[in-house]
PDB file of N, CA and C in Angstrom:
ATOM      1  N   UNK A   1      -7.361 -11.831  20.673  1.00  0.00           N
ATOM      2  CA  UNK A   1      -7.281 -10.427  20.287  1.00  0.00           C
ATOM      3  C   UNK A   1      -6.009 -10.164  19.488  1.00  0.00           C
ATOM      4  N   UNK A   2      -4.914 -10.810  19.883  1.00  0.00           N
ATOM      5  CA  UNK A   2      -3.653 -10.609  19.170  1.00  0.00           C
ATOM      6  C   UNK A   2      -3.753 -11.080  17.726  1.00  0.00           C
ATOM      7  N   UNK A   3      -4.472 -12.177  17.507  1.00  0.00           N
ATOM      8  CA  UNK A   3      -4.638 -12.691  16.140  1.00  0.00           C
ATOM      9  C   UNK A   3      -5.397 -11.686  15.281  1.00  0.00           C
ATOM     10  N   UNK A   4      -6.419 -11.065  15.830  1.00  0.00           N
ATOM     11  CA  UNK A   4      -7.183 -10.049  15.093  1.00  0.00           C
ATOM     12  C   UNK A   4      -6.271  -8.878  14.749  1.00  0.00           C
ATOM     13  N   UNK A   5      -5.525  -8.392  15.714  1.00  0.00           N
ATOM     14  CA  UNK A   5      -4.600  -7.269  15.457  1.00  0.00           C
ATOM     15  C   UNK A   5      -3.574  -7.637  14.394  1.00  0.00           C
ATOM     16  N   UNK A   6      -3.042  -8.846  14.496  1.00  0.00           N
ATOM     17  CA  UNK A   6      -2.036  -9.304  13.540  1.00  0.00           C
ATOM     18  C   UNK A   6      -2.622  -9.384  12.131  1.00  0.00           C
ATOM     19  N   UNK A   7      -3.762 -10.044  11.987  1.00  0.00           N
ATOM     20  CA  UNK A   7      -4.374 -10.198  10.663  1.00  0.00           C
ATOM     21  C   UNK A   7      -4.834  -8.862  10.088  1.00  0.00           C
ATOM     22  N   UNK A   8      -5.358  -7.986  10.937  1.00  0.00           N
ATOM     23  CA  UNK A   8      -5.888  -6.710  10.445  1.00  0.00           C
ATOM     24  C   UNK A   8      -4.797  -5.735  10.032  1.00  0.00           C
ATOM     25  N   UNK A   9      -3.563  -6.013  10.417  1.00  0.00           N
ATOM     26  CA  UNK A   9      -2.475  -5.107  10.054  1.00  0.00           C
ATOM     27  C   UNK A   9      -1.629  -5.623   8.889  1.00  0.00           C
ATOM     28  N   UNK A  10      -1.932  -6.808   8.391  1.00  0.00           N
ATOM     29  CA  UNK A  10      -1.117  -7.401   7.324  1.00  0.00           C
ATOM     30  C   UNK A  10      -1.461  -6.889   5.935  1.00  0.00           C
ATOM     31  N   UNK A  11      -2.629  -6.311   5.776  1.00  0.00           N
ATOM     32  CA  UNK A  11      -3.054  -5.806   4.475  1.00  0.00           C
ATOM     33  C   UNK A  11      -3.793  -4.490   4.690  1.00  0.00           C
ATOM     34  N   UNK A  12      -3.835  -3.656   3.659  1.00  0.00           N
ATOM     35  CA  UNK A  12      -4.446  -2.327   3.787  1.00  0.00           C
ATOM     36  C   UNK A  12      -5.934  -2.389   4.105  1.00  0.00           C
ATOM     37  N   UNK A  13      -6.623  -3.406   3.599  1.00  0.00           N
ATOM     38  CA  UNK A  13      -8.049  -3.573   3.878  1.00  0.00           C
ATOM     39  C   UNK A  13      -8.294  -5.025   4.276  1.00  0.00           C
ATOM     40  N   UNK A  14      -8.989  -5.206   5.393  1.00  0.00           N
ATOM     41  CA  UNK A  14      -9.253  -6.547   5.920  1.00  0.00           C
ATOM     42  C   UNK A  14     -10.713  -6.617   6.346  1.00  0.00           C
ATOM     43  N   UNK A  15     -11.373  -7.709   5.948  1.00  0.00           N
ATOM     44  CA  UNK A  15     -12.769  -7.906   6.325  1.00  0.00           C
ATOM     45  C   UNK A  15     -12.911  -9.283   6.968  1.00  0.00           C
ATOM     46  N   UNK A  16     -13.451  -9.310   8.179  1.00  0.00           N
ATOM     47  CA  UNK A  16     -13.777 -10.567   8.844  1.00  0.00           C
ATOM     48  C   UNK A  16     -15.248 -10.839   8.559  1.00  0.00           C
ATOM     49  N   UNK A  17     -15.539 -12.018   8.015  1.00  0.00           N
ATOM     50  CA  UNK A  17     -16.879 -12.329   7.546  1.00  0.00           C
ATOM     51  C   UNK A  17     -17.282 -13.743   7.940  1.00  0.00           C
ATOM     52  N   UNK A  18     -18.500 -14.086   7.538  1.00  0.00           N
ATOM     53  CA  UNK A  18     -18.976 -15.472   7.550  1.00  0.00           C
ATOM     54  C   UNK A  18     -19.525 -15.731   6.154  1.00  0.00           C
ATOM     55  N   UNK A  19     -19.305 -16.926   5.663  1.00  0.00           N
ATOM     56  CA  UNK A  19     -19.678 -17.237   4.280  1.00  0.00           C
ATOM     57  C   UNK A  19     -21.181 -17.188   4.040  1.00  0.00           C
ATOM     58  N   UNK A  20     -21.986 -17.290   5.077  1.00  0.00           N
ATOM     59  CA  UNK A  20     -23.438 -17.292   4.922  1.00  0.00           C
ATOM     60  C   UNK A  20     -24.077 -15.931   5.189  1.00  0.00           C
ATOM     61  N   UNK A  21     -23.279 -14.920   5.433  1.00  0.00           N
ATOM     62  CA  UNK A  21     -23.782 -13.591   5.805  1.00  0.00           C
ATOM     63  C   UNK A  21     -23.978 -12.718   4.564  1.00  0.00           C
ATOM     64  N   UNK A  22     -25.224 -12.312   4.305  1.00  0.00           N
ATOM     65  CA  UNK A  22     -25.498 -11.508   3.107  1.00  0.00           C
ATOM     66  C   UNK A  22     -24.898 -10.105   3.211  1.00  0.00           C
ATOM     67  N   UNK A  23     -24.867  -9.512   4.403  1.00  0.00           N
ATOM     68  CA  UNK A  23     -24.253  -8.188   4.545  1.00  0.00           C
ATOM     69  C   UNK A  23     -22.744  -8.259   4.326  1.00  0.00           C
ATOM     70  N   UNK A  24     -22.144  -9.371   4.737  1.00  0.00           N
ATOM     71  CA  UNK A  24     -20.708  -9.569   4.489  1.00  0.00           C
ATOM     72  C   UNK A  24     -20.443  -9.590   2.993  1.00  0.00           C
ATOM     73  N   UNK A  25     -21.291 -10.299   2.268  1.00  0.00           N
ATOM     74  CA  UNK A  25     -21.144 -10.371   0.811  1.00  0.00           C
ATOM     75  C   UNK A  25     -21.273  -8.975   0.201  1.00  0.00           C
ATOM     76  N   UNK A  26     -22.223  -8.193   0.673  1.00  0.00           N
ATOM     77  CA  UNK A  26     -22.431  -6.835   0.149  1.00  0.00           C
ATOM     78  C   UNK A  26     -21.225  -5.937   0.410  1.00  0.00           C
ATOM     79  N   UNK A  27     -20.647  -6.027   1.587  1.00  0.00           N
ATOM     80  CA  UNK A  27     -19.480  -5.199   1.917  1.00  0.00           C
ATOM     81  C   UNK A  27     -18.279  -5.614   1.078  1.00  0.00           C
ATOM     82  N   UNK A  28     -18.081  -6.923   0.900  1.00  0.00           N
ATOM     83  CA  UNK A  28     -16.990  -7.389   0.034  1.00  0.00           C
ATOM     84  C   UNK A  28     -17.191  -6.870  -1.386  1.00  0.00           C
ATOM     85  N   UNK A  29     -18.420  -6.944  -1.887  1.00  0.00           N
ATOM     86  CA  UNK A  29     -18.716  -6.463  -3.239  1.00  0.00           C
ATOM     87  C   UNK A  29     -18.436  -4.965  -3.360  1.00  0.00           C
ATOM     88  N   UNK A  30     -18.776  -4.193  -2.337  1.00  0.00           N
ATOM     89  CA  UNK A  30     -18.501  -2.755  -2.341  1.00  0.00           C
ATOM     90  C   UNK A  30     -17.001  -2.495  -2.442  1.00  0.00           C
ATOM     91  N   UNK A  31     -16.212  -3.196  -1.661  1.00  0.00           N
ATOM     92  CA  UNK A  31     -14.755  -3.013  -1.700  1.00  0.00           C
ATOM     93  C   UNK A  31     -14.197  -3.368  -3.074  1.00  0.00           C
ATOM     94  N   UNK A  32     -14.676  -4.471  -3.651  1.00  0.00           N
ATOM     95  CA  UNK A  32     -14.211  -4.856  -4.989  1.00  0.00           C
ATOM     96  C   UNK A  32     -14.618  -3.803  -6.018  1.00  0.00           C
ATOM     97  N   UNK A  33     -15.822  -3.268  -5.884  1.00  0.00           N
ATOM     98  CA  UNK A  33     -16.310  -2.232  -6.802  1.00  0.00           C
ATOM     99  C   UNK A  33     -15.450  -0.972  -6.708  1.00  0.00           C
ATOM    100  N   UNK A  34     -14.967  -0.660  -5.525  1.00  0.00           N
ATOM    101  CA  UNK A  34     -14.108   0.512  -5.336  1.00  0.00           C
ATOM    102  C   UNK A  34     -12.671   0.257  -5.792  1.00  0.00           C
ATOM    103  N   UNK A  35     -12.368  -0.990  -6.145  1.00  0.00           N
ATOM    104  CA  UNK A  35     -11.037  -1.323  -6.641  1.00  0.00           C
ATOM    105  C   UNK A  35     -10.101  -1.909  -5.600  1.00  0.00           C
ATOM    106  N   UNK A  36     -10.617  -2.185  -4.418  1.00  0.00           N
ATOM    107  CA  UNK A  36      -9.790  -2.771  -3.355  1.00  0.00           C
ATOM    108  C   UNK A  36      -9.803  -4.292  -3.453  1.00  0.00           C
ATOM    109  N   UNK A  37      -8.754  -4.893  -2.974  1.00  0.00           N
ATOM    110  CA  UNK A  37      -8.658  -6.356  -2.867  1.00  0.00           C
ATOM    111  C   UNK A  37      -8.399  -6.690  -1.401  1.00  0.00           C
ATOM    112  N   UNK A  38      -9.457  -6.665  -0.600  1.00  0.00           N
ATOM    113  CA  UNK A  38      -9.256  -6.870   0.833  1.00  0.00           C
ATOM    114  C   UNK A  38      -8.874  -8.308   1.166  1.00  0.00           C
ATOM    115  N   UNK A  39      -8.170  -8.471   2.259  1.00  0.00           N
ATOM    116  CA  UNK A  39      -7.977  -9.810   2.819  1.00  0.00           C
ATOM    117  C   UNK A  39      -9.299 -10.166   3.483  1.00  0.00           C
ATOM    118  N   UNK A  40      -9.836 -11.309   3.142  1.00  0.00           N
ATOM    119  CA  UNK A  40     -11.122 -11.738   3.687  1.00  0.00           C
ATOM    120  C   UNK A  40     -10.890 -12.973   4.547  1.00  0.00           C
ATOM    121  N   UNK A  41     -11.341 -12.899   5.785  1.00  0.00           N
ATOM    122  CA  UNK A  41     -11.201 -14.019   6.715  1.00  0.00           C
ATOM    123  C   UNK A  41     -12.601 -14.520   7.068  1.00  0.00           C
ATOM    124  N   UNK A  42     -12.946 -15.693   6.543  1.00  0.00           N
ATOM    125  CA  UNK A  42     -14.251 -16.311   6.786  1.00  0.00           C
ATOM    126  C   UNK A  42     -14.192 -17.042   8.127  1.00  0.00           C
ATOM    127  N   UNK A  43     -14.813 -16.477   9.141  1.00  0.00           N
ATOM    128  CA  UNK A  43     -14.725 -17.040  10.487  1.00  0.00           C
ATOM    129  C   UNK A  43     -15.356 -18.421  10.597  1.00  0.00           C
ATOM    130  N   UNK A  44     -16.387 -18.680   9.793  1.00  0.00           N
ATOM    131  CA  UNK A  44     -17.037 -19.988   9.862  1.00  0.00           C
ATOM    132  C   UNK A  44     -16.250 -21.071   9.126  1.00  0.00           C
ATOM    133  N   UNK A  45     -15.172 -20.701   8.460  1.00  0.00           N
ATOM    134  CA  UNK A  45     -14.343 -21.677   7.760  1.00  0.00           C
ATOM    135  C   UNK A  45     -12.934 -21.755   8.356  1.00  0.00           C
ATOM    136  N   UNK A  46     -12.700 -21.021   9.417  1.00  0.00           N
ATOM    137  CA  UNK A  46     -11.392 -21.003  10.069  1.00  0.00           C
ATOM    138  C   UNK A  46     -11.477 -21.810  11.367  1.00  0.00           C
ATOM    139  N   UNK A  47     -10.526 -22.717  11.605  1.00  0.00           N
ATOM    140  CA  UNK A  47     -10.558 -23.499  12.844  1.00  0.00           C
ATOM    141  C   UNK A  47     -10.542 -22.631  14.110  1.00  0.00           C
ATOM    142  N   UNK A  48      -9.988 -21.435  14.009  1.00  0.00           N
ATOM    143  CA  UNK A  48      -9.947 -20.523  15.160  1.00  0.00           C
ATOM    144  C   UNK A  48     -11.006 -19.420  15.046  1.00  0.00           C
ATOM    145  N   UNK A  49     -12.012 -19.665  14.212  1.00  0.00           N
ATOM    146  CA  UNK A  49     -13.046 -18.668  13.956  1.00  0.00           C
ATOM    147  C   UNK A  49     -13.814 -18.223  15.184  1.00  0.00           C
ATOM    148  N   UNK A  50     -14.192 -19.168  16.033  1.00  0.00           N
ATOM    149  CA  UNK A  50     -14.938 -18.804  17.251  1.00  0.00           C
ATOM    150  C   UNK A  50     -14.097 -17.911  18.160  1.00  0.00           C
ATOM    151  N   UNK A  51     -12.838 -18.252  18.284  1.00  0.00           N
ATOM    152  CA  UNK A  51     -11.913 -17.447  19.092  1.00  0.00           C
ATOM    153  C   UNK A  51     -11.820 -16.024  18.528  1.00  0.00           C
ATOM    154  N   UNK A  52     -11.718 -15.912  17.209  1.00  0.00           N
ATOM    155  CA  UNK A  52     -11.636 -14.586  16.583  1.00  0.00           C
ATOM    156  C   UNK A  52     -12.944 -13.832  16.733  1.00  0.00           C
ATOM    157  N   UNK A  53     -14.070 -14.552  16.667  1.00  0.00           N
ATOM    158  CA  UNK A  53     -15.366 -13.906  16.848  1.00  0.00           C
ATOM    159  C   UNK A  53     -15.486 -13.304  18.250  1.00  0.00           C
ATOM    160  N   UNK A  54     -15.013 -14.014  19.265  1.00  0.00           N
ATOM    161  CA  UNK A  54     -15.027 -13.485  20.633  1.00  0.00           C
ATOM    162  C   UNK A  54     -14.124 -12.261  20.750  1.00  0.00           C
ATOM    163  N   UNK A  55     -12.982 -12.313  20.076  1.00  0.00           N
ATOM    164  CA  UNK A  55     -12.059 -11.169  20.114  1.00  0.00           C
ATOM    165  C   UNK A  55     -12.685  -9.953  19.438  1.00  0.00           C
ATOM    166  N   UNK A  56     -13.389 -10.169  18.336  1.00  0.00           N
ATOM    167  CA  UNK A  56     -14.073  -9.059  17.658  1.00  0.00           C
ATOM    168  C   UNK A  56     -15.153  -8.473  18.560  1.00  0.00           C
ATOM    169  N   UNK A  57     -15.879  -9.338  19.233  1.00  0.00           N
ATOM    170  CA  UNK A  57     -16.909  -8.869  20.167  1.00  0.00           C
ATOM    171  C   UNK A  57     -16.274  -8.027  21.274  1.00  0.00           C
ATOM    172  N   UNK A  58     -15.106  -8.441  21.753  1.00  0.00           N
ATOM    173  CA  UNK A  58     -14.398  -7.689  22.800  1.00  0.00           C
ATOM    174  C   UNK A  58     -13.950  -6.319  22.298  1.00  0.00           C
ATOM    175  N   UNK A  59     -13.720  -6.206  20.975  1.00  0.00           N
ATOM    176  CA  UNK A  59     -13.353  -4.913  20.383  1.00  0.00           C
ATOM    177  C   UNK A  59     -14.560  -3.998  20.195  1.00  0.00           C
ATOM    178  N   UNK A  60     -15.756  -4.536  20.415  1.00  0.00           N
ATOM    179  CA  UNK A  60     -16.963  -3.737  20.269  1.00  0.00           C
ATOM    180  C   UNK A  60     -17.736  -4.012  19.002  1.00  0.00           C
ATOM    181  N   UNK A  61     -17.377  -5.046  18.278  1.00  0.00           N
ATOM    182  CA  UNK A  61     -18.089  -5.399  17.046  1.00  0.00           C
ATOM    183  C   UNK A  61     -19.402  -6.079  17.408  1.00  0.00           C
ATOM    184  N   UNK A  62     -20.492  -5.448  17.076  1.00  0.00           N
ATOM    185  CA  UNK A  62     -21.799  -6.029  17.314  1.00  0.00           C
ATOM    186  C   UNK A  62     -22.742  -5.573  16.215  1.00  0.00           C
ATOM    187  N   UNK A  63     -23.134  -6.429  15.308  1.00  0.00           N
ATOM    188  CA  UNK A  63     -22.787  -7.842  15.212  1.00  0.00           C
ATOM    189  C   UNK A  63     -21.304  -8.023  14.890  1.00  0.00           C
ATOM    190  N   UNK A  64     -20.819  -9.245  15.101  1.00  0.00           N
ATOM    191  CA  UNK A  64     -19.385  -9.479  14.942  1.00  0.00           C
ATOM    192  C   UNK A  64     -18.926  -9.461  13.493  1.00  0.00           C
ATOM    193  N   UNK A  65     -19.820  -9.737  12.559  1.00  0.00           N
ATOM    194  CA  UNK A  65     -19.452  -9.692  11.137  1.00  0.00           C
ATOM    195  C   UNK A  65     -20.493  -8.904  10.359  1.00  0.00           C
ATOM    196  N   UNK A  66     -20.085  -8.227   9.301  1.00  0.00           N
ATOM    197  CA  UNK A  66     -18.709  -8.030   8.895  1.00  0.00           C
ATOM    198  C   UNK A  66     -18.000  -7.047   9.826  1.00  0.00           C
ATOM    199  N   UNK A  67     -16.738  -7.307  10.046  1.00  0.00           N
ATOM    200  CA  UNK A  67     -15.881  -6.392  10.808  1.00  0.00           C
ATOM    201  C   UNK A  67     -14.799  -5.918   9.853  1.00  0.00           C
ATOM    202  N   UNK A  68     -14.742  -4.614   9.629  1.00  0.00           N
ATOM    203  CA  UNK A  68     -13.873  -4.048   8.596  1.00  0.00           C
ATOM    204  C   UNK A  68     -12.745  -3.233   9.222  1.00  0.00           C
ATOM    205  N   UNK A  69     -11.539  -3.479   8.723  1.00  0.00           N
ATOM    206  CA  UNK A  69     -10.346  -2.745   9.135  1.00  0.00           C
ATOM    207  C   UNK A  69      -9.713  -2.134   7.894  1.00  0.00           C
ATOM    208  N   UNK A  70      -9.334  -0.867   7.977  1.00  0.00           N
ATOM    209  CA  UNK A  70      -8.634  -0.189   6.880  1.00  0.00           C
ATOM    210  C   UNK A  70      -7.399   0.467   7.483  1.00  0.00           C
ATOM    211  N   UNK A  71      -6.260   0.173   6.894  1.00  0.00           N
ATOM    212  CA  UNK A  71      -5.011   0.715   7.423  1.00  0.00           C
ATOM    213  C   UNK A  71      -4.726   0.271   8.841  1.00  0.00           C
ATOM    214  N   UNK A  72      -5.183  -0.922   9.198  1.00  0.00           N
ATOM    215  CA  UNK A  72      -4.964  -1.451  10.540  1.00  0.00           C
ATOM    216  C   UNK A  72      -5.919  -0.929  11.589  1.00  0.00           C
ATOM    217  N   UNK A  73      -6.801  -0.005  11.208  1.00  0.00           N
ATOM    218  CA  UNK A  73      -7.757   0.578  12.157  1.00  0.00           C
ATOM    219  C   UNK A  73      -9.140  -0.017  11.959  1.00  0.00           C
ATOM    220  N   UNK A  74      -9.831  -0.276  13.054  1.00  0.00           N
ATOM    221  CA  UNK A  74     -11.193  -0.786  12.987  1.00  0.00           C
ATOM    222  C   UNK A  74     -12.113   0.307  12.467  1.00  0.00           C
ATOM    223  N   UNK A  75     -12.796   0.017  11.357  1.00  0.00           N
ATOM    224  CA  UNK A  75     -13.721   0.972  10.745  1.00  0.00           C
ATOM    225  C   UNK A  75     -15.128   0.750  11.277  1.00  0.00           C
ATOM    226  N   UNK A  76     -15.520  -0.512  11.417  1.00  0.00           N
ATOM    227  CA  UNK A  76     -16.845  -0.804  11.927  1.00  0.00           C
ATOM    228  C   UNK A  76     -17.497  -1.960  11.212  1.00  0.00           C
ATOM    229  N   UNK A  77     -18.814  -2.008  11.366  1.00  0.00           N
ATOM    230  CA  UNK A  77     -19.605  -3.064  10.752  1.00  0.00           C
ATOM    231  C   UNK A  77     -20.210  -2.549   9.450  1.00  0.00           C
ATOM    232  N   UNK A  78     -21.133  -3.300   8.896  1.00  0.00           N
ATOM    233  CA  UNK A  78     -21.742  -2.939   7.611  1.00  0.00           C
ATOM    234  C   UNK A  78     -22.362  -1.539   7.654  1.00  0.00           C
ATOM    235  N   UNK A  79     -23.105  -1.242   8.710  1.00  0.00           N
ATOM    236  CA  UNK A  79     -23.761   0.070   8.824  1.00  0.00           C
ATOM    237  C   UNK A  79     -22.732   1.201   8.790  1.00  0.00           C
ATOM    238  N   UNK A  80     -21.648   1.033   9.518  1.00  0.00           N
ATOM    239  CA  UNK A  80     -20.600   2.059   9.565  1.00  0.00           C
ATOM    240  C   UNK A  80     -19.935   2.234   8.202  1.00  0.00           C
ATOM    241  N   UNK A  81     -19.651   1.115   7.544  1.00  0.00           N
ATOM    242  CA  UNK A  81     -18.991   1.159   6.237  1.00  0.00           C
ATOM    243  C   UNK A  81     -19.888   1.833   5.205  1.00  0.00           C
ATOM    244  N   UNK A  82     -21.167   1.502   5.214  1.00  0.00           N
ATOM    245  CA  UNK A  82     -22.102   2.110   4.259  1.00  0.00           C
ATOM    246  C   UNK A  82     -22.218   3.608   4.512  1.00  0.00           C
ATOM    247  N   UNK A  83     -22.272   4.016   5.776  1.00  0.00           N
ATOM    248  CA  UNK A  83     -22.318   5.446   6.111  1.00  0.00           C
ATOM    249  C   UNK A  83     -21.086   6.162   5.570  1.00  0.00           C
ATOM    250  N   UNK A  84     -19.907   5.567   5.764  1.00  0.00           N
ATOM    251  CA  UNK A  84     -18.669   6.167   5.250  1.00  0.00           C
ATOM    252  C   UNK A  84     -18.665   6.216   3.726  1.00  0.00           C
ATOM    253  N   UNK A  85     -19.226   5.198   3.101  1.00  0.00           N
ATOM    254  CA  UNK A  85     -19.275   5.176   1.634  1.00  0.00           C
ATOM    255  C   UNK A  85     -20.186   6.288   1.107  1.00  0.00           C
ATOM    256  N   UNK A  86     -21.337   6.444   1.723  1.00  0.00           N
ATOM    257  CA  UNK A  86     -22.296   7.461   1.276  1.00  0.00           C
ATOM    258  C   UNK A  86     -21.713   8.863   1.404  1.00  0.00           C
ATOM    259  N   UNK A  87     -20.974   9.136   2.481  1.00  0.00           N
ATOM    260  CA  UNK A  87     -20.415  10.487   2.632  1.00  0.00           C
ATOM    261  C   UNK A  87     -19.061  10.663   1.928  1.00  0.00           C
ATOM    262  N   UNK A  88     -18.570   9.604   1.270  1.00  0.00           N
ATOM    263  CA  UNK A  88     -17.346   9.715   0.478  1.00  0.00           C
ATOM    264  C   UNK A  88     -16.059   9.452   1.233  1.00  0.00           C
ATOM    265  N   UNK A  89     -16.149   9.264   2.540  1.00  0.00           N
ATOM    266  CA  UNK A  89     -14.912   9.111   3.307  1.00  0.00           C
ATOM    267  C   UNK A  89     -14.333   7.698   3.267  1.00  0.00           C
ATOM    268  N   UNK A  90     -15.124   6.693   2.894  1.00  0.00           N
ATOM    269  CA  UNK A  90     -14.575   5.338   2.781  1.00  0.00           C
ATOM    270  C   UNK A  90     -13.512   5.290   1.694  1.00  0.00           C
ATOM    271  N   UNK A  91     -13.814   5.861   0.550  1.00  0.00           N
ATOM    272  CA  UNK A  91     -12.848   5.869  -0.550  1.00  0.00           C
ATOM    273  C   UNK A  91     -11.575   6.604  -0.136  1.00  0.00           C
ATOM    274  N   UNK A  92     -11.722   7.714   0.570  1.00  0.00           N
ATOM    275  CA  UNK A  92     -10.552   8.465   1.021  1.00  0.00           C
ATOM    276  C   UNK A  92      -9.708   7.652   2.006  1.00  0.00           C
ATOM    277  N   UNK A  93     -10.363   6.913   2.886  1.00  0.00           N
ATOM    278  CA  UNK A  93      -9.626   6.053   3.820  1.00  0.00           C
ATOM    279  C   UNK A  93      -8.872   4.959   3.070  1.00  0.00           C
ATOM    280  N   UNK A  94      -9.524   4.393   2.052  1.00  0.00           N
ATOM    281  CA  UNK A  94      -8.875   3.344   1.262  1.00  0.00           C
ATOM    282  C   UNK A  94      -7.678   3.893   0.498  1.00  0.00           C
ATOM    283  N   UNK A  95      -7.800   5.108  -0.010  1.00  0.00           N
ATOM    284  CA  UNK A  95      -6.679   5.748  -0.711  1.00  0.00           C
ATOM    285  C   UNK A  95      -5.538   6.008   0.267  1.00  0.00           C
ATOM    286  N   UNK A  96      -5.862   6.569   1.423  1.00  0.00           N
ATOM    287  CA  UNK A  96      -4.838   6.884   2.430  1.00  0.00           C
ATOM    288  C   UNK A  96      -4.092   5.624   2.885  1.00  0.00           C
ATOM    289  N   UNK A  97      -4.817   4.512   2.989  1.00  0.00           N
ATOM    290  CA  UNK A  97      -4.205   3.249   3.418  1.00  0.00           C
ATOM    291  C   UNK A  97      -3.519   2.519   2.265  1.00  0.00           C
ATOM    292  N   UNK A  98      -3.628   3.100   1.059  1.00  0.00           N
ATOM    293  CA  UNK A  98      -3.049   2.498  -0.151  1.00  0.00           C
ATOM    294  C   UNK A  98      -3.711   1.173  -0.510  1.00  0.00           C
ATOM    295  N   UNK A  99      -5.007   1.075  -0.186  1.00  0.00           N
ATOM    296  CA  UNK A  99      -5.789  -0.094  -0.575  1.00  0.00           C
ATOM    297  C   UNK A  99      -6.300   0.072  -2.001  1.00  0.00           C
ATOM    298  N   UNK A 100      -6.411   1.332  -2.449  1.00  0.00           N
ATOM    299  CA  UNK A 100      -6.779   1.638  -3.833  1.00  0.00           C
ATOM    300  C   UNK A 100      -5.944   2.827  -4.297  1.00  0.00           C
ATOM    301  N   UNK A 101      -5.876   2.994  -5.601  1.00  0.00           N
ATOM    302  CA  UNK A 101      -5.145   4.131  -6.176  1.00  0.00           C
ATOM    303  C   UNK A 101      -6.034   5.358  -6.170  1.00  0.00           C
ATOM    304  N   UNK A 102      -5.424   6.512  -6.081  1.00  0.00           N
ATOM    305  CA  UNK A 102      -6.203   7.751  -6.057  1.00  0.00           C
ATOM    306  C   UNK A 102      -6.640   8.177  -7.447  1.00  0.00           C
ATOM    307  N   UNK A 103      -6.012   7.658  -8.477  1.00  0.00           N
ATOM    308  CA  UNK A 103      -6.398   8.000  -9.843  1.00  0.00           C
ATOM    309  C   UNK A 103      -6.643   6.738 -10.632  1.00  0.00           C
ATOM    310  N   UNK A 104      -7.513   6.849 -11.578  1.00  0.00           N
ATOM    311  CA  UNK A 104      -7.795   5.722 -12.453  1.00  0.00           C
ATOM    312  C   UNK A 104      -6.820   5.755 -13.608  1.00  0.00           C
ATOM    313  N   UNK A 105      -6.161   4.662 -13.862  1.00  0.00           N
ATOM    314  CA  UNK A 105      -5.227   4.582 -14.975  1.00  0.00           C
ATOM    315  C   UNK A 105      -5.839   3.726 -16.059  1.00  0.00           C
ATOM    316  N   UNK A 106      -5.908   4.261 -17.237  1.00  0.00           N
ATOM    317  CA  UNK A 106      -6.374   3.508 -18.387  1.00  0.00           C
ATOM    318  C   UNK A 106      -5.187   3.223 -19.284  1.00  0.00           C
ATOM    319  N   UNK A 107      -5.083   1.999 -19.790  1.00  0.00           N
ATOM    320  CA  UNK A 107      -3.988   1.688 -20.704  1.00  0.00           C
ATOM    321  C   UNK A 107      -4.017   2.562 -21.957  1.00  0.00           C
ATOM    322  N   UNK A 108      -5.152   3.177 -22.234  1.00  0.00           N
ATOM    323  CA  UNK A 108      -5.285   4.027 -23.420  1.00  0.00           C
ATOM    324  C   UNK A 108      -5.166   5.509 -23.091  1.00  0.00           C
ATOM    325  N   UNK A 109      -4.774   5.849 -21.874  1.00  0.00           N
ATOM    326  CA  UNK A 109      -4.714   7.252 -21.468  1.00  0.00           C
ATOM    327  C   UNK A 109      -3.726   8.062 -22.297  1.00  0.00           C
ATOM    328  N   UNK A 110      -2.741   7.415 -22.894  1.00  0.00           N
ATOM    329  CA  UNK A 110      -1.787   8.148 -23.731  1.00  0.00           C
ATOM    330  C   UNK A 110      -2.483   8.778 -24.931  1.00  0.00           C
ATOM    331  N   UNK A 111      -3.624   8.246 -25.350  1.00  0.00           N
ATOM    332  CA  UNK A 111      -4.354   8.808 -26.488  1.00  0.00           C
ATOM    333  C   UNK A 111      -4.906  10.195 -26.169  1.00  0.00           C
ATOM    334  N   UNK A 112      -5.157  10.458 -24.901  1.00  0.00           N
ATOM    335  CA  UNK A 112      -5.688  11.755 -24.503  1.00  0.00           C
ATOM    336  C   UNK A 112      -4.655  12.861 -24.655  1.00  0.00           C
ATOM    337  N   UNK A 113      -3.396  12.491 -24.762  1.00  0.00           N
ATOM    338  CA  UNK A 113      -2.329  13.475 -24.869  1.00  0.00           C
ATOM    339  C   UNK A 113      -2.070  13.878 -26.315  1.00  0.00           C
ATOM    340  N   UNK A 114      -2.691  13.214 -27.247  1.00  0.00           N
ATOM    341  CA  UNK A 114      -2.457  13.508 -28.673  1.00  0.00           C
ATOM    342  C   UNK A 114      -3.251  14.719 -29.109  1.00  0.00           C
TER     343      UNK A 114
END
């Protein structure tokens, strides 16, 4: 459990996944689309993956992957993340945690001031 807490607090957005999980891939793609660069921990490729999977289960993750943390807080699994995305609150959580910027910056934005 301590390893999960430690890893989930090291970056603004953290996703625990398995490399063969299609929902994990979808959640990672959603985060990248929103402009986030989450820390991704592939449990099936980590020597301590089984231990972390048990710790996630103890936290209430069912299924255990994907398990998403934003700002060090457990957000939930794929269903929870998609629900937050649909209602707009996922993006707000990512902004609050500084996982993404609140405004889009274009290198050409100075042209709009002319």
